[in-house]
């Protein structure tokens, strides 16, 4: 089993099933004891802001705020630097525990020994 799971979410409310799957997989991995790093890019970037996940609805899916809370409890959530800049999101705007970092950090995490990367 991979020692670390790096997940990049590119979808948001524009592709709700794909978006929900990424957060669900991340939360299940965290609950299973896997080290998780979830990256918010593209339209999922908005979920780094307080209250935005509560606006997301998908029938038969776990509530996004609950998934985010469980991921942050034992994993890492990162907002892409360029995605944040395009949306004028700064570190003072994001949920506590969410960091902003760039592609070099993503590549470093994805290429680390024992890591498995997924993109949704």
C-alpha atoms as a PDB file:
ATOM      1  CA  UNK A   1       0.000   0.000   0.000  1.00  0.00           C
ATOM      2  CA  UNK A   2       1.192   3.541  -0.734  1.00  0.00           C
ATOM      3  CA  UNK A   3       2.539   5.347   2.298  1.00  0.00           C
ATOM      4  CA  UNK A   4       1.194   8.653   1.011  1.00  0.00           C
ATOM      5  CA  UNK A   5      -1.726   9.530  -1.232  1.00  0.00           C
ATOM      6  CA  UNK A   6      -1.516  12.817  -3.136  1.00  0.00           C
ATOM      7  CA  UNK A   7      -4.861  13.795  -4.656  1.00  0.00           C
ATOM      8  CA  UNK A   8      -5.388  16.714  -7.027  1.00  0.00           C
ATOM      9  CA  UNK A   9      -8.993  17.885  -7.379  1.00  0.00           C
ATOM     10  CA  UNK A  10      -9.614  19.875 -10.565  1.00  0.00           C
ATOM     11  CA  UNK A  11     -13.412  19.825 -10.409  1.00  0.00           C
ATOM     12  CA  UNK A  12     -15.836  21.756  -8.264  1.00  0.00           C
ATOM     13  CA  UNK A  13     -19.546  22.397  -8.565  1.00  0.00           C
ATOM     14  CA  UNK A  14     -19.036  22.226 -12.348  1.00  0.00           C
ATOM     15  CA  UNK A  15     -18.483  18.436 -12.096  1.00  0.00           C
ATOM     16  CA  UNK A  16     -20.019  17.486  -8.738  1.00  0.00           C
ATOM     17  CA  UNK A  17     -19.598  13.713  -8.923  1.00  0.00           C
ATOM     18  CA  UNK A  18     -15.916  13.898  -9.798  1.00  0.00           C
ATOM     19  CA  UNK A  19     -15.402  16.520  -7.102  1.00  0.00           C
ATOM     20  CA  UNK A  20     -17.202  14.492  -4.439  1.00  0.00           C
ATOM     21  CA  UNK A  21     -15.278  11.342  -5.355  1.00  0.00           C
ATOM     22  CA  UNK A  22     -11.953  13.074  -4.748  1.00  0.00           C
ATOM     23  CA  UNK A  23     -12.943  14.345  -1.306  1.00  0.00           C
ATOM     24  CA  UNK A  24     -14.515  10.975  -0.406  1.00  0.00           C
ATOM     25  CA  UNK A  25     -11.406   9.020  -1.409  1.00  0.00           C
ATOM     26  CA  UNK A  26      -9.218  11.436   0.570  1.00  0.00           C
ATOM     27  CA  UNK A  27     -11.410  11.139   3.673  1.00  0.00           C
ATOM     28  CA  UNK A  28     -11.549   7.332   3.475  1.00  0.00           C
ATOM     29  CA  UNK A  29      -7.769   7.174   3.047  1.00  0.00           C
ATOM     30  CA  UNK A  30      -7.252   9.400   6.105  1.00  0.00           C
ATOM     31  CA  UNK A  31      -9.641   7.212   8.109  1.00  0.00           C
ATOM     32  CA  UNK A  32      -7.634   4.179   6.973  1.00  0.00           C
ATOM     33  CA  UNK A  33      -4.412   5.649   8.324  1.00  0.00           C
ATOM     34  CA  UNK A  34      -2.935   6.722   4.995  1.00  0.00           C
ATOM     35  CA  UNK A  35      -1.016   9.999   4.875  1.00  0.00           C
ATOM     36  CA  UNK A  36      -3.091  12.258   2.588  1.00  0.00           C
ATOM     37  CA  UNK A  37      -2.306  15.476   0.773  1.00  0.00           C
ATOM     38  CA  UNK A  38      -5.336  16.897  -1.051  1.00  0.00           C
ATOM     39  CA  UNK A  39      -4.717  19.651  -3.600  1.00  0.00           C
ATOM     40  CA  UNK A  40      -7.462  22.090  -4.610  1.00  0.00           C
ATOM     41  CA  UNK A  41      -7.082  23.369  -8.168  1.00  0.00           C
ATOM     42  CA  UNK A  42      -9.380  24.877 -10.767  1.00  0.00           C
ATOM     43  CA  UNK A  43     -12.987  25.147  -9.624  1.00  0.00           C
ATOM     44  CA  UNK A  44     -12.342  23.181  -6.437  1.00  0.00           C
ATOM     45  CA  UNK A  45     -10.246  26.147  -5.271  1.00  0.00           C
ATOM     46  CA  UNK A  46     -13.403  27.805  -3.980  1.00  0.00           C
ATOM     47  CA  UNK A  47     -13.745  25.103  -1.307  1.00  0.00           C
ATOM     48  CA  UNK A  48     -10.716  26.555   0.479  1.00  0.00           C
ATOM     49  CA  UNK A  49     -12.952  29.448   1.545  1.00  0.00           C
ATOM     50  CA  UNK A  50     -15.073  29.260   4.705  1.00  0.00           C
ATOM     51  CA  UNK A  51     -18.697  28.380   3.977  1.00  0.00           C
ATOM     52  CA  UNK A  52     -18.239  27.467   0.317  1.00  0.00           C
ATOM     53  CA  UNK A  53     -18.303  23.712   0.880  1.00  0.00           C
ATOM     54  CA  UNK A  54     -21.673  24.057   2.633  1.00  0.00           C
ATOM     55  CA  UNK A  55     -23.131  25.341  -0.658  1.00  0.00           C
ATOM     56  CA  UNK A  56     -22.137  22.113  -2.446  1.00  0.00           C
ATOM     57  CA  UNK A  57     -24.863  19.491  -2.748  1.00  0.00           C
ATOM     58  CA  UNK A  58     -24.830  16.072  -4.326  1.00  0.00           C
ATOM     59  CA  UNK A  59     -27.507  13.469  -3.598  1.00  0.00           C
ATOM     60  CA  UNK A  60     -26.276  10.340  -1.812  1.00  0.00           C
ATOM     61  CA  UNK A  61     -22.881  11.907  -1.081  1.00  0.00           C
ATOM     62  CA  UNK A  62     -21.325  12.781   2.260  1.00  0.00           C
ATOM     63  CA  UNK A  63     -21.511  16.500   3.072  1.00  0.00           C
ATOM     64  CA  UNK A  64     -18.412  18.253   1.761  1.00  0.00           C
ATOM     65  CA  UNK A  65     -17.814  20.224   4.995  1.00  0.00           C
ATOM     66  CA  UNK A  66     -17.656  16.938   6.925  1.00  0.00           C
ATOM     67  CA  UNK A  67     -15.193  15.455   4.442  1.00  0.00           C
ATOM     68  CA  UNK A  68     -12.987  18.552   4.609  1.00  0.00           C
ATOM     69  CA  UNK A  69     -13.032  18.471   8.400  1.00  0.00           C
ATOM     70  CA  UNK A  70     -11.973  14.820   8.482  1.00  0.00           C
ATOM     71  CA  UNK A  71      -9.206  15.386   5.941  1.00  0.00           C
ATOM     72  CA  UNK A  72      -7.829  18.354   7.867  1.00  0.00           C
ATOM     73  CA  UNK A  73      -7.922  16.386  11.131  1.00  0.00           C
ATOM     74  CA  UNK A  74      -5.175  14.031   9.989  1.00  0.00           C
ATOM     75  CA  UNK A  75      -4.130  15.129   6.495  1.00  0.00           C
ATOM     76  CA  UNK A  76      -3.149  18.200   4.510  1.00  0.00           C
ATOM     77  CA  UNK A  77      -5.214  20.382   2.189  1.00  0.00           C
ATOM     78  CA  UNK A  78      -3.368  22.696  -0.171  1.00  0.00           C
ATOM     79  CA  UNK A  79      -4.717  25.386  -2.469  1.00  0.00           C
ATOM     80  CA  UNK A  80      -2.758  25.855  -5.697  1.00  0.00           C
ATOM     81  CA  UNK A  81      -0.860  29.160  -5.725  1.00  0.00           C
ATOM     82  CA  UNK A  82      -1.837  30.127  -9.280  1.00  0.00           C
ATOM     83  CA  UNK A  83      -5.458  29.047  -8.800  1.00  0.00           C
ATOM     84  CA  UNK A  84      -5.656  31.155  -5.650  1.00  0.00           C
ATOM     85  CA  UNK A  85      -4.140  34.170  -7.410  1.00  0.00           C
ATOM     86  CA  UNK A  86      -6.570  33.918 -10.343  1.00  0.00           C
ATOM     87  CA  UNK A  87      -9.444  33.987  -7.845  1.00  0.00           C
ATOM     88  CA  UNK A  88      -7.837  36.664  -5.651  1.00  0.00           C
ATOM     89  CA  UNK A  89      -7.753  34.276  -2.690  1.00  0.00           C
ATOM     90  CA  UNK A  90      -5.041  34.902  -0.115  1.00  0.00           C
ATOM     91  CA  UNK A  91      -3.830  33.005   2.950  1.00  0.00           C
ATOM     92  CA  UNK A  92      -5.961  35.215   5.200  1.00  0.00           C
ATOM     93  CA  UNK A  93      -9.099  34.136   3.274  1.00  0.00           C
ATOM     94  CA  UNK A  94      -8.820  30.347   3.562  1.00  0.00           C
ATOM     95  CA  UNK A  95     -10.099  27.861   6.122  1.00  0.00           C
ATOM     96  CA  UNK A  96      -7.747  27.332   9.054  1.00  0.00           C
ATOM     97  CA  UNK A  97      -5.328  24.542   8.206  1.00  0.00           C
ATOM     98  CA  UNK A  98      -5.398  25.062   4.431  1.00  0.00           C
ATOM     99  CA  UNK A  99      -2.064  26.113   2.973  1.00  0.00           C
ATOM    100  CA  UNK A 100      -1.287  27.746  -0.355  1.00  0.00           C
ATOM    101  CA  UNK A 101       1.590  26.226  -2.322  1.00  0.00           C
ATOM    102  CA  UNK A 102       2.763  25.808  -5.886  1.00  0.00           C
ATOM    103  CA  UNK A 103       3.550  23.152  -8.446  1.00  0.00           C
ATOM    104  CA  UNK A 104       7.049  22.499  -7.127  1.00  0.00           C
ATOM    105  CA  UNK A 105       5.568  21.328  -3.798  1.00  0.00           C
ATOM    106  CA  UNK A 106       2.992  19.159  -5.593  1.00  0.00           C
ATOM    107  CA  UNK A 107       5.684  17.522  -7.726  1.00  0.00           C
ATOM    108  CA  UNK A 108       7.870  16.958  -4.671  1.00  0.00           C
ATOM    109  CA  UNK A 109       5.006  15.253  -2.817  1.00  0.00           C
ATOM    110  CA  UNK A 110       3.898  13.193  -5.810  1.00  0.00           C
ATOM    111  CA  UNK A 111       7.429  11.981  -6.530  1.00  0.00           C
ATOM    112  CA  UNK A 112       8.340  11.119  -2.949  1.00  0.00           C
ATOM    113  CA  UNK A 113       9.096   7.501  -2.110  1.00  0.00           C
ATOM    114  CA  UNK A 114       5.955   5.483  -1.460  1.00  0.00           C
ATOM    115  CA  UNK A 115       3.594   8.132  -2.844  1.00  0.00           C
ATOM    116  CA  UNK A 116       0.637   7.471  -5.130  1.00  0.00           C
ATOM    117  CA  UNK A 117      -0.885  10.411  -6.997  1.00  0.00           C
ATOM    118  CA  UNK A 118      -4.484  10.624  -8.230  1.00  0.00           C
ATOM    119  CA  UNK A 119      -6.132  13.383 -10.252  1.00  0.00           C
ATOM    120  CA  UNK A 120      -9.872  13.992 -10.293  1.00  0.00           C
END
